[in-house]
Amino acid sequence: MERRAFIIKGGKSIGAIGLGVLGIYSCQSHEPAVFNGEFSLEEVNMINEIGEIIIPITDTPGAKAARVGEFITVVVRDCFSEKEKKEFNITLADINKICNESFGDDFLKCKESERLKLVSKMEEGHGGYKTLKNLIVSAYLSSEIGMTKYFDYHPVPGKYDGCTTVRPW
């Protein structure tokens, strides 16, 4: 009988401690300042916004809905060399720098029309912008939204029809 009482009291004690820790932890902000150890949330949002300008919402969802910024930051972190990472970060900094020079504010704080002008300006002659644009298009087409909503999606476990004219591209 003493063993049973000990287990019940111990379980209640551990439960109370767990609820206390949970209560303290739940009152704190959980939004990290850095997305994946290398990029700030502001940079991820900036990539998403640039992606939305390049691939806007039409009858299919746009780049922001496909969360291209998160995908690109993971690709840059895991697949780029140190030199390429540095060039990518310089490109993001250049976008904000050019935006500040042209419109007096950071990219995320500018109006939509100013963002469009900036992206058009970057399209004309910025070398690193081409890499960013290619990453955005690749991220969008690799996403679930791009594969199922943009392309003509045919689920694989369907019937095989070799004489069809419908192609997924």
N, C-alpha and C. Protein backbone atom coordinates (compact mmCIF):
# COMPACT_ATOMS: atom_id res chain seq x y z
N MET A 1 0.81 -1.19 0.00
CA MET A 1 0.00 0.00 0.00
C MET A 1 0.86 1.26 0.00
N GLU A 2 2.01 1.24 0.65
CA GLU A 2 2.86 2.42 0.69
C GLU A 2 3.45 2.72 -0.69
N ARG A 3 3.72 1.67 -1.44
CA ARG A 3 4.27 1.86 -2.77
C ARG A 3 3.28 2.60 -3.68
N ARG A 4 2.03 2.22 -3.60
CA ARG A 4 1.00 2.85 -4.41
C ARG A 4 0.86 4.33 -4.05
N ALA A 5 0.88 4.67 -2.81
CA ALA A 5 0.78 6.06 -2.37
C ALA A 5 1.99 6.85 -2.84
N PHE A 6 3.17 6.24 -2.78
CA PHE A 6 4.39 6.90 -3.23
C PHE A 6 4.33 7.21 -4.73
N ILE A 7 3.84 6.26 -5.53
CA ILE A 7 3.73 6.46 -6.98
C ILE A 7 2.73 7.56 -7.30
N ILE A 8 1.61 7.59 -6.59
CA ILE A 8 0.60 8.62 -6.83
C ILE A 8 1.15 10.00 -6.47
N LYS A 9 1.78 10.12 -5.30
CA LYS A 9 2.35 11.41 -4.89
C LYS A 9 3.47 11.84 -5.84
N GLY A 10 4.30 10.91 -6.26
CA GLY A 10 5.39 11.22 -7.19
C GLY A 10 4.85 11.68 -8.53
N GLY A 11 3.81 11.02 -9.01
CA GLY A 11 3.20 11.41 -10.29
C GLY A 11 2.60 12.80 -10.22
N LYS A 12 1.94 13.11 -9.09
CA LYS A 12 1.37 14.45 -8.92
C LYS A 12 2.47 15.51 -8.86
N SER A 13 3.56 15.20 -8.20
CA SER A 13 4.68 16.15 -8.09
C SER A 13 5.30 16.42 -9.45
N ILE A 14 5.56 15.37 -10.19
CA ILE A 14 6.15 15.54 -11.52
C ILE A 14 5.20 16.29 -12.44
N GLY A 15 3.92 16.00 -12.34
CA GLY A 15 2.92 16.71 -13.15
C GLY A 15 2.87 18.19 -12.81
N ALA A 16 2.94 18.53 -11.51
CA ALA A 16 2.92 19.94 -11.09
C ALA A 16 4.16 20.67 -11.60
N ILE A 17 5.31 20.02 -11.51
CA ILE A 17 6.54 20.63 -12.01
C ILE A 17 6.44 20.86 -13.52
N GLY A 18 5.94 19.86 -14.23
CA GLY A 18 5.79 19.99 -15.68
C GLY A 18 4.84 21.10 -16.07
N LEU A 19 3.72 21.24 -15.36
CA LEU A 19 2.78 22.32 -15.65
C LEU A 19 3.39 23.68 -15.34
N GLY A 20 4.18 23.76 -14.28
CA GLY A 20 4.84 25.02 -13.93
C GLY A 20 5.82 25.44 -15.01
N VAL A 21 6.64 24.50 -15.48
CA VAL A 21 7.60 24.80 -16.53
C VAL A 21 6.86 25.18 -17.81
N LEU A 22 5.79 24.46 -18.14
CA LEU A 22 5.00 24.77 -19.33
C LEU A 22 4.39 26.15 -19.23
N GLY A 23 3.89 26.51 -18.05
CA GLY A 23 3.30 27.84 -17.86
C GLY A 23 4.31 28.94 -18.04
N ILE A 24 5.50 28.77 -17.52
CA ILE A 24 6.55 29.78 -17.68
C ILE A 24 6.98 29.86 -19.13
N TYR A 25 7.15 28.73 -19.77
CA TYR A 25 7.62 28.71 -21.16
C TYR A 25 6.58 29.29 -22.11
N SER A 26 5.31 29.07 -21.84
CA SER A 26 4.27 29.53 -22.76
C SER A 26 4.08 31.03 -22.72
N CYS A 27 4.58 31.70 -21.71
CA CYS A 27 4.45 33.15 -21.61
C CYS A 27 5.56 33.88 -22.37
N GLN A 28 6.50 33.18 -22.90
CA GLN A 28 7.60 33.81 -23.61
C GLN A 28 7.31 33.83 -25.10
N SER A 29 7.95 34.76 -25.80
CA SER A 29 7.84 34.83 -27.25
C SER A 29 8.66 33.71 -27.86
N HIS A 30 8.07 32.97 -28.78
CA HIS A 30 8.76 31.83 -29.38
C HIS A 30 9.29 32.14 -30.77
N GLU A 31 9.10 33.37 -31.24
CA GLU A 31 9.54 33.71 -32.58
C GLU A 31 11.03 34.02 -32.56
N PRO A 32 11.83 33.20 -33.20
CA PRO A 32 13.27 33.44 -33.16
C PRO A 32 13.65 34.62 -34.05
N ALA A 33 14.73 35.29 -33.68
CA ALA A 33 15.21 36.42 -34.48
C ALA A 33 15.92 35.92 -35.73
N VAL A 34 16.37 34.68 -35.71
CA VAL A 34 17.10 34.10 -36.83
C VAL A 34 16.32 32.89 -37.32
N PHE A 35 16.15 32.77 -38.64
CA PHE A 35 15.33 31.67 -39.18
C PHE A 35 16.02 30.33 -39.08
N ASN A 36 17.20 30.18 -39.65
CA ASN A 36 17.85 28.87 -39.64
C ASN A 36 19.33 28.97 -39.25
N GLY A 37 19.64 29.94 -38.45
CA GLY A 37 21.01 30.10 -38.00
C GLY A 37 21.82 31.06 -38.84
N GLU A 38 21.34 31.41 -40.02
CA GLU A 38 22.09 32.30 -40.90
C GLU A 38 21.28 33.48 -41.42
N PHE A 39 19.98 33.34 -41.49
CA PHE A 39 19.14 34.40 -42.07
C PHE A 39 18.15 34.90 -41.03
N SER A 40 17.94 36.21 -41.04
CA SER A 40 16.94 36.80 -40.14
C SER A 40 15.55 36.59 -40.75
N LEU A 41 14.55 36.71 -39.91
CA LEU A 41 13.17 36.60 -40.41
C LEU A 41 12.86 37.72 -41.40
N GLU A 42 13.49 38.86 -41.21
CA GLU A 42 13.30 39.97 -42.14
C GLU A 42 13.81 39.60 -43.53
N GLU A 43 14.95 38.92 -43.60
CA GLU A 43 15.50 38.50 -44.89
C GLU A 43 14.61 37.45 -45.54
N VAL A 44 14.08 36.53 -44.74
CA VAL A 44 13.17 35.51 -45.29
C VAL A 44 11.91 36.19 -45.83
N ASN A 45 11.37 37.14 -45.08
CA ASN A 45 10.18 37.87 -45.55
C ASN A 45 10.49 38.67 -46.81
N MET A 46 11.69 39.24 -46.88
CA MET A 46 12.08 40.01 -48.06
C MET A 46 12.14 39.09 -49.29
N ILE A 47 12.70 37.89 -49.14
CA ILE A 47 12.75 36.94 -50.26
C ILE A 47 11.34 36.55 -50.67
N ASN A 48 10.45 36.33 -49.68
CA ASN A 48 9.06 36.00 -50.00
C ASN A 48 8.38 37.13 -50.77
N GLU A 49 8.63 38.38 -50.36
CA GLU A 49 8.01 39.52 -51.03
C GLU A 49 8.56 39.70 -52.45
N ILE A 50 9.86 39.52 -52.63
CA ILE A 50 10.43 39.59 -53.98
C ILE A 50 9.85 38.47 -54.84
N GLY A 51 9.72 37.30 -54.24
CA GLY A 51 9.11 36.18 -54.96
C GLY A 51 7.68 36.46 -55.37
N GLU A 52 6.95 37.17 -54.51
CA GLU A 52 5.56 37.51 -54.84
C GLU A 52 5.49 38.49 -56.00
N ILE A 53 6.52 39.32 -56.16
CA ILE A 53 6.56 40.24 -57.31
C ILE A 53 6.88 39.45 -58.58
N ILE A 54 7.80 38.49 -58.48
CA ILE A 54 8.19 37.70 -59.65
C ILE A 54 7.10 36.72 -60.04
N ILE A 55 6.52 36.03 -59.04
CA ILE A 55 5.44 35.06 -59.29
C ILE A 55 4.24 35.48 -58.45
N PRO A 56 3.41 36.40 -58.97
CA PRO A 56 2.27 36.89 -58.18
C PRO A 56 1.11 35.90 -58.17
N ILE A 57 0.16 36.21 -57.32
CA ILE A 57 -1.07 35.41 -57.25
C ILE A 57 -1.88 35.67 -58.52
N THR A 58 -2.25 34.61 -59.21
CA THR A 58 -3.16 34.70 -60.35
C THR A 58 -4.25 33.68 -60.07
N ASP A 59 -4.55 32.84 -61.03
CA ASP A 59 -5.49 31.76 -60.74
C ASP A 59 -4.81 30.65 -59.93
N THR A 60 -3.49 30.76 -59.78
CA THR A 60 -2.72 29.87 -58.91
C THR A 60 -2.10 30.69 -57.80
N PRO A 61 -1.82 30.10 -56.64
CA PRO A 61 -1.18 30.84 -55.56
C PRO A 61 0.21 31.32 -55.97
N GLY A 62 0.65 32.41 -55.34
CA GLY A 62 1.94 33.01 -55.67
C GLY A 62 3.09 32.42 -54.88
N ALA A 63 4.25 33.06 -55.02
CA ALA A 63 5.47 32.58 -54.39
C ALA A 63 5.42 32.68 -52.87
N LYS A 64 4.74 33.69 -52.35
CA LYS A 64 4.65 33.83 -50.90
C LYS A 64 3.86 32.68 -50.29
N ALA A 65 2.82 32.25 -50.97
CA ALA A 65 2.02 31.12 -50.49
C ALA A 65 2.83 29.83 -50.51
N ALA A 66 3.76 29.73 -51.46
CA ALA A 66 4.62 28.55 -51.55
C ALA A 66 5.79 28.62 -50.58
N ARG A 67 5.92 29.75 -49.86
CA ARG A 67 6.97 29.96 -48.85
C ARG A 67 8.37 29.73 -49.44
N VAL A 68 8.63 30.41 -50.54
CA VAL A 68 9.91 30.25 -51.22
C VAL A 68 11.08 30.75 -50.38
N GLY A 69 10.84 31.75 -49.54
CA GLY A 69 11.92 32.29 -48.71
C GLY A 69 12.51 31.27 -47.77
N GLU A 70 11.66 30.48 -47.13
CA GLU A 70 12.13 29.44 -46.22
C GLU A 70 12.93 28.38 -46.97
N PHE A 71 12.43 28.00 -48.13
CA PHE A 71 13.11 26.98 -48.93
C PHE A 71 14.48 27.47 -49.39
N ILE A 72 14.54 28.71 -49.87
CA ILE A 72 15.79 29.26 -50.39
C ILE A 72 16.83 29.38 -49.29
N THR A 73 16.43 29.82 -48.11
CA THR A 73 17.41 29.95 -47.03
C THR A 73 17.98 28.61 -46.61
N VAL A 74 17.17 27.57 -46.67
CA VAL A 74 17.67 26.23 -46.37
C VAL A 74 18.64 25.76 -47.46
N VAL A 75 18.30 26.02 -48.72
CA VAL A 75 19.18 25.64 -49.83
C VAL A 75 20.51 26.38 -49.72
N VAL A 76 20.45 27.68 -49.45
CA VAL A 76 21.68 28.47 -49.34
C VAL A 76 22.53 27.96 -48.17
N ARG A 77 21.88 27.69 -47.05
CA ARG A 77 22.62 27.21 -45.88
C ARG A 77 23.27 25.85 -46.14
N ASP A 78 22.55 24.94 -46.76
CA ASP A 78 23.02 23.56 -46.90
C ASP A 78 23.83 23.29 -48.16
N CYS A 79 23.61 24.03 -49.22
CA CYS A 79 24.19 23.67 -50.51
C CYS A 79 25.20 24.67 -51.07
N PHE A 80 25.19 25.90 -50.60
CA PHE A 80 26.08 26.90 -51.15
C PHE A 80 27.44 26.85 -50.47
N SER A 81 28.48 27.19 -51.22
CA SER A 81 29.81 27.31 -50.62
C SER A 81 29.85 28.62 -49.83
N GLU A 82 30.89 28.82 -49.05
CA GLU A 82 31.01 30.04 -48.26
C GLU A 82 31.03 31.28 -49.15
N LYS A 83 31.71 31.18 -50.28
CA LYS A 83 31.78 32.30 -51.21
C LYS A 83 30.39 32.61 -51.77
N GLU A 84 29.64 31.58 -52.15
CA GLU A 84 28.30 31.78 -52.70
C GLU A 84 27.35 32.34 -51.63
N LYS A 85 27.48 31.87 -50.39
CA LYS A 85 26.66 32.40 -49.30
C LYS A 85 26.93 33.89 -49.12
N LYS A 86 28.20 34.25 -49.15
CA LYS A 86 28.58 35.66 -48.99
C LYS A 86 28.00 36.51 -50.12
N GLU A 87 28.09 36.02 -51.36
CA GLU A 87 27.52 36.74 -52.50
C GLU A 87 26.01 36.87 -52.38
N PHE A 88 25.34 35.83 -51.90
CA PHE A 88 23.89 35.87 -51.73
C PHE A 88 23.52 36.92 -50.67
N ASN A 89 24.24 36.93 -49.56
CA ASN A 89 23.98 37.91 -48.51
C ASN A 89 24.26 39.33 -49.00
N ILE A 90 25.28 39.49 -49.83
CA ILE A 90 25.57 40.81 -50.41
C ILE A 90 24.42 41.25 -51.32
N THR A 91 23.86 40.31 -52.08
CA THR A 91 22.72 40.63 -52.95
C THR A 91 21.54 41.13 -52.13
N LEU A 92 21.22 40.44 -51.03
CA LEU A 92 20.11 40.87 -50.17
C LEU A 92 20.40 42.25 -49.58
N ALA A 93 21.64 42.48 -49.15
CA ALA A 93 22.01 43.79 -48.60
C ALA A 93 21.93 44.87 -49.68
N ASP A 94 22.35 44.53 -50.91
CA ASP A 94 22.28 45.49 -52.02
C ASP A 94 20.84 45.90 -52.31
N ILE A 95 19.94 44.96 -52.23
CA ILE A 95 18.53 45.27 -52.50
C ILE A 95 18.05 46.32 -51.50
N ASN A 96 18.35 46.12 -50.22
CA ASN A 96 17.95 47.11 -49.21
C ASN A 96 18.69 48.43 -49.41
N LYS A 97 19.97 48.37 -49.78
CA LYS A 97 20.76 49.58 -49.99
C LYS A 97 20.20 50.40 -51.15
N ILE A 98 19.93 49.75 -52.27
CA ILE A 98 19.38 50.43 -53.44
C ILE A 98 17.99 50.98 -53.13
N CYS A 99 17.22 50.23 -52.37
CA CYS A 99 15.89 50.68 -51.97
C CYS A 99 15.98 51.91 -51.08
N ASN A 100 16.92 51.91 -50.15
CA ASN A 100 17.13 53.09 -49.29
C ASN A 100 17.56 54.30 -50.09
N GLU A 101 18.45 54.10 -51.06
CA GLU A 101 18.91 55.20 -51.89
C GLU A 101 17.80 55.74 -52.78
N SER A 102 16.97 54.85 -53.30
CA SER A 102 15.92 55.26 -54.25
C SER A 102 14.68 55.81 -53.56
N PHE A 103 14.25 55.15 -52.48
CA PHE A 103 12.96 55.48 -51.88
C PHE A 103 13.05 55.90 -50.41
N GLY A 104 14.25 55.83 -49.82
CA GLY A 104 14.43 56.29 -48.45
C GLY A 104 13.95 55.33 -47.38
N ASP A 105 13.75 54.07 -47.73
CA ASP A 105 13.31 53.09 -46.74
C ASP A 105 13.74 51.70 -47.14
N ASP A 106 13.68 50.76 -46.18
CA ASP A 106 14.00 49.37 -46.47
C ASP A 106 12.95 48.77 -47.40
N PHE A 107 13.32 47.65 -48.03
CA PHE A 107 12.44 47.02 -49.02
C PHE A 107 11.09 46.66 -48.42
N LEU A 108 11.08 46.08 -47.23
CA LEU A 108 9.82 45.63 -46.64
C LEU A 108 8.92 46.78 -46.22
N LYS A 109 9.48 47.96 -46.04
CA LYS A 109 8.68 49.11 -45.61
C LYS A 109 8.20 49.96 -46.79
N CYS A 110 8.64 49.62 -47.98
CA CYS A 110 8.25 50.39 -49.18
C CYS A 110 6.85 49.98 -49.65
N LYS A 111 6.27 50.85 -50.46
CA LYS A 111 4.97 50.56 -51.07
C LYS A 111 5.15 49.54 -52.19
N GLU A 112 4.06 48.95 -52.60
CA GLU A 112 4.10 47.93 -53.65
C GLU A 112 4.64 48.49 -54.96
N SER A 113 4.23 49.70 -55.31
CA SER A 113 4.70 50.30 -56.57
C SER A 113 6.21 50.54 -56.52
N GLU A 114 6.73 50.94 -55.37
CA GLU A 114 8.17 51.15 -55.22
C GLU A 114 8.93 49.83 -55.31
N ARG A 115 8.35 48.79 -54.75
CA ARG A 115 8.97 47.46 -54.83
C ARG A 115 9.06 47.00 -56.28
N LEU A 116 7.99 47.23 -57.04
CA LEU A 116 7.99 46.84 -58.45
C LEU A 116 9.07 47.59 -59.23
N LYS A 117 9.20 48.89 -58.98
CA LYS A 117 10.24 49.68 -59.63
C LYS A 117 11.63 49.17 -59.28
N LEU A 118 11.82 48.82 -58.00
CA LEU A 118 13.12 48.33 -57.56
C LEU A 118 13.47 47.00 -58.23
N VAL A 119 12.50 46.08 -58.28
CA VAL A 119 12.76 44.79 -58.91
C VAL A 119 13.04 44.97 -60.41
N SER A 120 12.35 45.90 -61.06
CA SER A 120 12.63 46.19 -62.47
C SER A 120 14.04 46.74 -62.63
N LYS A 121 14.44 47.60 -61.70
CA LYS A 121 15.79 48.17 -61.73
C LYS A 121 16.84 47.07 -61.52
N MET A 122 16.58 46.15 -60.60
CA MET A 122 17.51 45.05 -60.33
C MET A 122 17.59 44.11 -61.54
N GLU A 123 16.48 43.95 -62.22
CA GLU A 123 16.41 43.08 -63.39
C GLU A 123 17.34 43.56 -64.50
N GLU A 124 17.49 44.87 -64.61
CA GLU A 124 18.28 45.45 -65.69
C GLU A 124 19.77 45.18 -65.59
N GLY A 125 20.34 45.21 -64.36
CA GLY A 125 21.78 45.08 -64.38
C GLY A 125 22.45 44.57 -63.13
N HIS A 126 21.75 44.04 -62.18
CA HIS A 126 22.40 43.55 -60.97
C HIS A 126 22.73 42.07 -61.15
N GLY A 127 24.01 41.72 -60.98
CA GLY A 127 24.46 40.35 -61.22
C GLY A 127 23.89 39.32 -60.27
N GLY A 128 23.85 39.62 -58.97
CA GLY A 128 23.38 38.66 -57.99
C GLY A 128 21.88 38.46 -58.01
N TYR A 129 21.17 39.42 -58.57
CA TYR A 129 19.71 39.31 -58.62
C TYR A 129 19.28 38.14 -59.49
N LYS A 130 20.04 37.85 -60.54
CA LYS A 130 19.69 36.74 -61.42
C LYS A 130 19.71 35.43 -60.64
N THR A 131 20.68 35.25 -59.77
CA THR A 131 20.75 34.05 -58.92
C THR A 131 19.54 33.97 -58.01
N LEU A 132 19.19 35.09 -57.39
CA LEU A 132 18.03 35.13 -56.50
C LEU A 132 16.75 34.79 -57.27
N LYS A 133 16.60 35.37 -58.44
CA LYS A 133 15.40 35.10 -59.25
C LYS A 133 15.33 33.62 -59.65
N ASN A 134 16.46 33.05 -60.07
CA ASN A 134 16.48 31.63 -60.42
C ASN A 134 16.13 30.75 -59.23
N LEU A 135 16.62 31.12 -58.05
CA LEU A 135 16.28 30.36 -56.84
C LEU A 135 14.79 30.47 -56.53
N ILE A 136 14.22 31.65 -56.71
CA ILE A 136 12.79 31.84 -56.43
C ILE A 136 11.95 30.98 -57.38
N VAL A 137 12.27 31.01 -58.65
CA VAL A 137 11.51 30.22 -59.63
C VAL A 137 11.67 28.73 -59.35
N SER A 138 12.89 28.31 -59.06
CA SER A 138 13.14 26.91 -58.75
C SER A 138 12.42 26.47 -57.48
N ALA A 139 12.44 27.32 -56.47
CA ALA A 139 11.76 26.99 -55.21
C ALA A 139 10.26 26.89 -55.43
N TYR A 140 9.71 27.80 -56.22
CA TYR A 140 8.26 27.76 -56.48
C TYR A 140 7.86 26.50 -57.24
N LEU A 141 8.62 26.18 -58.28
CA LEU A 141 8.28 25.01 -59.10
C LEU A 141 8.53 23.71 -58.35
N SER A 142 9.38 23.73 -57.33
CA SER A 142 9.66 22.54 -56.53
C SER A 142 8.66 22.37 -55.39
N SER A 143 7.90 23.41 -55.09
CA SER A 143 6.97 23.35 -53.96
C SER A 143 5.72 22.55 -54.33
N GLU A 144 4.96 22.22 -53.32
CA GLU A 144 3.71 21.49 -53.55
C GLU A 144 2.74 22.32 -54.37
N ILE A 145 2.69 23.61 -54.09
CA ILE A 145 1.80 24.50 -54.85
C ILE A 145 2.22 24.54 -56.31
N GLY A 146 3.50 24.69 -56.55
CA GLY A 146 3.98 24.74 -57.93
C GLY A 146 3.73 23.45 -58.69
N MET A 147 3.96 22.33 -58.02
CA MET A 147 3.81 21.03 -58.68
C MET A 147 2.34 20.65 -58.92
N THR A 148 1.46 21.04 -58.00
CA THR A 148 0.07 20.61 -58.14
C THR A 148 -0.85 21.66 -58.74
N LYS A 149 -0.56 22.94 -58.51
CA LYS A 149 -1.45 23.99 -59.00
C LYS A 149 -0.94 24.63 -60.30
N TYR A 150 0.38 24.77 -60.43
CA TYR A 150 0.92 25.40 -61.63
C TYR A 150 1.00 24.42 -62.79
N PHE A 151 1.58 23.25 -62.54
CA PHE A 151 1.65 22.22 -63.58
C PHE A 151 0.34 21.47 -63.65
N ASP A 152 0.11 20.79 -64.75
CA ASP A 152 -1.06 19.94 -64.91
C ASP A 152 -0.78 18.65 -64.13
N TYR A 153 -1.31 18.58 -62.94
CA TYR A 153 -0.96 17.51 -62.00
C TYR A 153 -1.72 16.22 -62.31
N HIS A 154 -0.96 15.14 -62.44
CA HIS A 154 -1.54 13.81 -62.62
C HIS A 154 -1.01 12.92 -61.52
N PRO A 155 -1.87 12.44 -60.63
CA PRO A 155 -1.37 11.57 -59.56
C PRO A 155 -0.77 10.29 -60.15
N VAL A 156 0.30 9.85 -59.55
CA VAL A 156 1.04 8.71 -60.08
C VAL A 156 0.25 7.42 -60.06
N PRO A 157 -0.43 7.08 -58.98
CA PRO A 157 -1.10 5.78 -59.01
C PRO A 157 -2.37 5.78 -59.86
N GLY A 158 -2.33 6.39 -60.99
CA GLY A 158 -3.47 6.39 -61.90
C GLY A 158 -3.26 5.39 -63.01
N LYS A 159 -4.21 5.35 -63.91
CA LYS A 159 -4.12 4.42 -65.03
C LYS A 159 -3.17 4.97 -66.07
N TYR A 160 -2.42 4.12 -66.71
CA TYR A 160 -1.47 4.53 -67.74
C TYR A 160 -2.19 4.64 -69.07
N ASP A 161 -2.04 5.79 -69.70
CA ASP A 161 -2.61 6.01 -71.02
C ASP A 161 -1.50 6.58 -71.89
N GLY A 162 -0.88 5.75 -72.71
CA GLY A 162 0.25 6.16 -73.52
C GLY A 162 -0.11 7.00 -74.71
N CYS A 163 -1.38 7.06 -75.07
CA CYS A 163 -1.80 7.80 -76.26
C CYS A 163 -2.49 9.10 -75.91
N THR A 164 -2.06 9.76 -74.86
CA THR A 164 -2.70 11.00 -74.46
C THR A 164 -1.92 12.20 -74.98
N THR A 165 -2.60 13.28 -75.19
CA THR A 165 -1.93 14.52 -75.63
C THR A 165 -1.66 15.45 -74.47
N VAL A 166 -2.25 15.17 -73.31
CA VAL A 166 -2.06 16.01 -72.14
C VAL A 166 -0.72 15.70 -71.51
N ARG A 167 0.10 16.70 -71.33
CA ARG A 167 1.41 16.54 -70.70
C ARG A 167 1.49 17.44 -69.48
N PRO A 168 2.28 17.10 -68.47
CA PRO A 168 2.35 17.91 -67.26
C PRO A 168 3.14 19.22 -67.45
N TRP A 169 3.70 19.46 -68.59
CA TRP A 169 4.46 20.71 -68.80
C TRP A 169 3.92 21.50 -69.95
